[in-house]
Amino acid sequence: MVYDIINLIQISAIAAKKPSGTQQFMMMMPMFGIMIVILYLFIWKPQQKKQKEHDNMLGAMQKGDKVITVGGLHGTLIGVKEDIAVIKVSENVKLEINKSAISTIVKKK
């Protein structure tokens, strides 16, 4: 009976001992890893996919395509240089814009 009481006291003393700072840090490491994986899967990967699709769209632009710019201008593509696109907004109105400013190709020619 006395030995049982001593064992209970020792067990409760061991259970009451808090882990050290290093042990707490090591227990948190898997949580950081899980958070990084979640960020990659739900934020970075979809953004990379969207950017790749936009780059492919810009590379496939051809003269005569109807486009919309990020500013909301609608026009017809009349020329494409290295980083510059020339769009015709109305009669006698041509604009030179950066290719990256084109958000959507509405209708292919």
C-alpha atoms as a PDB file:
ATOM      1  CA  MET A   1       0.000   0.000   0.000  1.00  0.00           C
ATOM      2  CA  VAL A   2       2.800   2.402   0.872  1.00  0.00           C
ATOM      3  CA  TYR A   3       4.604   1.460  -2.332  1.00  0.00           C
ATOM      4  CA  ASP A   4       1.462   2.221  -4.350  1.00  0.00           C
ATOM      5  CA  ILE A   5       1.229   5.688  -2.834  1.00  0.00           C
ATOM      6  CA  ILE A   6       4.939   6.343  -3.553  1.00  0.00           C
ATOM      7  CA  ASN A   7       4.480   5.172  -7.156  1.00  0.00           C
ATOM      8  CA  LEU A   8       1.462   7.489  -7.605  1.00  0.00           C
ATOM      9  CA  ILE A   9       3.480  10.428  -6.276  1.00  0.00           C
ATOM     10  CA  GLN A  10       6.377   9.657  -8.637  1.00  0.00           C
ATOM     11  CA  ILE A  11       4.057   9.280 -11.620  1.00  0.00           C
ATOM     12  CA  SER A  12       2.293  12.562 -10.852  1.00  0.00           C
ATOM     13  CA  ALA A  13       5.677  14.291 -10.460  1.00  0.00           C
ATOM     14  CA  ILE A  14       6.826  12.999 -13.849  1.00  0.00           C
ATOM     15  CA  ALA A  15       3.529  14.035 -15.478  1.00  0.00           C
ATOM     16  CA  ALA A  16       3.775  17.521 -13.989  1.00  0.00           C
ATOM     17  CA  LYS A  17       7.224  18.105 -15.524  1.00  0.00           C
ATOM     18  CA  LYS A  18       6.959  20.442 -18.541  1.00  0.00           C
ATOM     19  CA  PRO A  19       8.975  19.801 -21.689  1.00  0.00           C
ATOM     20  CA  SER A  20      12.030  21.962 -22.260  1.00  0.00           C
ATOM     21  CA  GLY A  21      12.181  24.704 -24.896  1.00  0.00           C
ATOM     22  CA  THR A  22      13.930  22.428 -27.384  1.00  0.00           C
ATOM     23  CA  GLN A  23      11.325  19.711 -26.920  1.00  0.00           C
ATOM     24  CA  GLN A  24       8.511  22.206 -27.450  1.00  0.00           C
ATOM     25  CA  PHE A  25      10.199  23.487 -30.611  1.00  0.00           C
ATOM     26  CA  MET A  26      10.614  19.949 -31.948  1.00  0.00           C
ATOM     27  CA  MET A  27       6.929  19.255 -31.300  1.00  0.00           C
ATOM     28  CA  MET A  28       5.980  22.397 -33.298  1.00  0.00           C
ATOM     29  CA  MET A  29       8.152  21.573 -36.341  1.00  0.00           C
ATOM     30  CA  PRO A  30       5.599  19.195 -37.960  1.00  0.00           C
ATOM     31  CA  MET A  31       2.950  21.902 -37.652  1.00  0.00           C
ATOM     32  CA  PHE A  32       5.175  24.380 -39.505  1.00  0.00           C
ATOM     33  CA  GLY A  33       5.751  21.776 -42.206  1.00  0.00           C
ATOM     34  CA  ILE A  34       2.030  21.172 -42.587  1.00  0.00           C
ATOM     35  CA  MET A  35       1.371  24.917 -42.845  1.00  0.00           C
ATOM     36  CA  ILE A  36       4.005  25.311 -45.571  1.00  0.00           C
ATOM     37  CA  VAL A  37       2.479  22.426 -47.546  1.00  0.00           C
ATOM     38  CA  ILE A  38      -0.989  23.986 -47.234  1.00  0.00           C
ATOM     39  CA  LEU A  39       0.316  27.379 -48.416  1.00  0.00           C
ATOM     40  CA  TYR A  40       1.998  25.741 -51.393  1.00  0.00           C
ATOM     41  CA  LEU A  41      -1.046  23.709 -52.420  1.00  0.00           C
ATOM     42  CA  PHE A  42      -3.698  26.392 -51.972  1.00  0.00           C
ATOM     43  CA  ILE A  43      -1.871  29.639 -52.762  1.00  0.00           C
ATOM     44  CA  TRP A  44       1.419  29.317 -54.632  1.00  0.00           C
ATOM     45  CA  LYS A  45       0.596  26.420 -56.979  1.00  0.00           C
ATOM     46  CA  PRO A  46      -2.698  27.879 -58.300  1.00  0.00           C
ATOM     47  CA  GLN A  47      -1.034  31.276 -58.763  1.00  0.00           C
ATOM     48  CA  GLN A  48       1.801  29.689 -60.764  1.00  0.00           C
ATOM     49  CA  LYS A  49      -0.742  27.833 -62.916  1.00  0.00           C
ATOM     50  CA  LYS A  50      -2.704  31.033 -63.562  1.00  0.00           C
ATOM     51  CA  GLN A  51       0.484  32.926 -64.484  1.00  0.00           C
ATOM     52  CA  LYS A  52       1.551  30.141 -66.859  1.00  0.00           C
ATOM     53  CA  GLU A  53      -1.866  30.183 -68.591  1.00  0.00           C
ATOM     54  CA  HIS A  54      -1.652  33.988 -68.973  1.00  0.00           C
ATOM     55  CA  ASP A  55       1.860  33.754 -70.440  1.00  0.00           C
ATOM     56  CA  ASN A  56       0.681  31.094 -72.909  1.00  0.00           C
ATOM     57  CA  MET A  57      -2.264  33.314 -73.891  1.00  0.00           C
ATOM     58  CA  LEU A  58       0.065  36.268 -74.513  1.00  0.00           C
ATOM     59  CA  GLY A  59       2.359  34.090 -76.587  1.00  0.00           C
ATOM     60  CA  ALA A  60      -0.530  32.896 -78.763  1.00  0.00           C
ATOM     61  CA  MET A  61      -1.852  36.386 -79.603  1.00  0.00           C
ATOM     62  CA  GLN A  62      -2.210  37.117 -83.289  1.00  0.00           C
ATOM     63  CA  LYS A  63      -3.086  40.108 -85.386  1.00  0.00           C
ATOM     64  CA  GLY A  64      -6.870  40.548 -85.553  1.00  0.00           C
ATOM     65  CA  ASP A  65      -7.688  39.143 -82.096  1.00  0.00           C
ATOM     66  CA  LYS A  66     -10.208  41.059 -79.986  1.00  0.00           C
ATOM     67  CA  VAL A  67      -8.624  41.866 -76.600  1.00  0.00           C
ATOM     68  CA  ILE A  68      -9.469  43.495 -73.274  1.00  0.00           C
ATOM     69  CA  THR A  69      -6.797  45.279 -71.278  1.00  0.00           C
ATOM     70  CA  VAL A  70      -6.487  45.299 -67.495  1.00  0.00           C
ATOM     71  CA  GLY A  71      -7.805  48.866 -67.622  1.00  0.00           C
ATOM     72  CA  GLY A  72     -10.974  47.738 -69.381  1.00  0.00           C
ATOM     73  CA  LEU A  73     -10.207  48.978 -72.902  1.00  0.00           C
ATOM     74  CA  HIS A  74     -11.637  46.848 -75.705  1.00  0.00           C
ATOM     75  CA  GLY A  75      -9.803  46.758 -78.993  1.00  0.00           C
ATOM     76  CA  THR A  76      -8.498  44.781 -81.903  1.00  0.00           C
ATOM     77  CA  LEU A  77      -4.894  43.693 -81.978  1.00  0.00           C
ATOM     78  CA  ILE A  78      -3.189  45.103 -85.076  1.00  0.00           C
ATOM     79  CA  GLY A  79       0.436  44.417 -84.240  1.00  0.00           C
ATOM     80  CA  VAL A  80       2.665  42.597 -81.782  1.00  0.00           C
ATOM     81  CA  LYS A  81       6.285  43.442 -81.077  1.00  0.00           C
ATOM     82  CA  GLU A  82       8.569  41.907 -78.470  1.00  0.00           C
ATOM     83  CA  ASP A  83       6.935  43.367 -75.338  1.00  0.00           C
ATOM     84  CA  ILE A  84       4.510  45.806 -76.945  1.00  0.00           C
ATOM     85  CA  ALA A  85       1.081  45.233 -78.452  1.00  0.00           C
ATOM     86  CA  VAL A  86      -0.633  47.743 -80.724  1.00  0.00           C
ATOM     87  CA  ILE A  87      -4.403  47.758 -80.452  1.00  0.00           C
ATOM     88  CA  LYS A  88      -6.973  49.639 -82.479  1.00  0.00           C
ATOM     89  CA  VAL A  89      -9.649  51.074 -80.193  1.00  0.00           C
ATOM     90  CA  SER A  90     -11.670  52.967 -82.840  1.00  0.00           C
ATOM     91  CA  GLU A  91     -11.126  54.521 -86.261  1.00  0.00           C
ATOM     92  CA  ASN A  92      -7.786  56.343 -86.354  1.00  0.00           C
ATOM     93  CA  VAL A  93      -7.051  55.513 -82.678  1.00  0.00           C
ATOM     94  CA  LYS A  94      -4.181  53.116 -82.104  1.00  0.00           C
ATOM     95  CA  LEU A  95      -2.605  52.459 -78.725  1.00  0.00           C
ATOM     96  CA  GLU A  96       0.724  50.902 -77.889  1.00  0.00           C
ATOM     97  CA  ILE A  97       0.546  49.009 -74.622  1.00  0.00           C
ATOM     98  CA  ASN A  98       2.634  46.443 -72.794  1.00  0.00           C
ATOM     99  CA  LYS A  99       1.666  42.899 -73.670  1.00  0.00           C
ATOM    100  CA  SER A 100       1.320  42.157 -69.967  1.00  0.00           C
ATOM    101  CA  ALA A 101      -1.493  44.739 -69.795  1.00  0.00           C
ATOM    102  CA  ILE A 102      -3.740  42.470 -71.879  1.00  0.00           C
ATOM    103  CA  SER A 103      -5.968  40.515 -69.545  1.00  0.00           C
ATOM    104  CA  THR A 104      -8.210  38.584 -71.943  1.00  0.00           C
ATOM    105  CA  ILE A 105      -8.484  37.572 -75.551  1.00  0.00           C
ATOM    106  CA  VAL A 106     -12.217  37.793 -76.225  1.00  0.00           C
ATOM    107  CA  LYS A 107     -12.387  36.387 -79.742  1.00  0.00           C
ATOM    108  CA  LYS A 108      -9.720  34.870 -81.896  1.00  0.00           C
ATOM    109  CA  LYS A 109      -9.657  36.059 -85.483  1.00  0.00           C
END
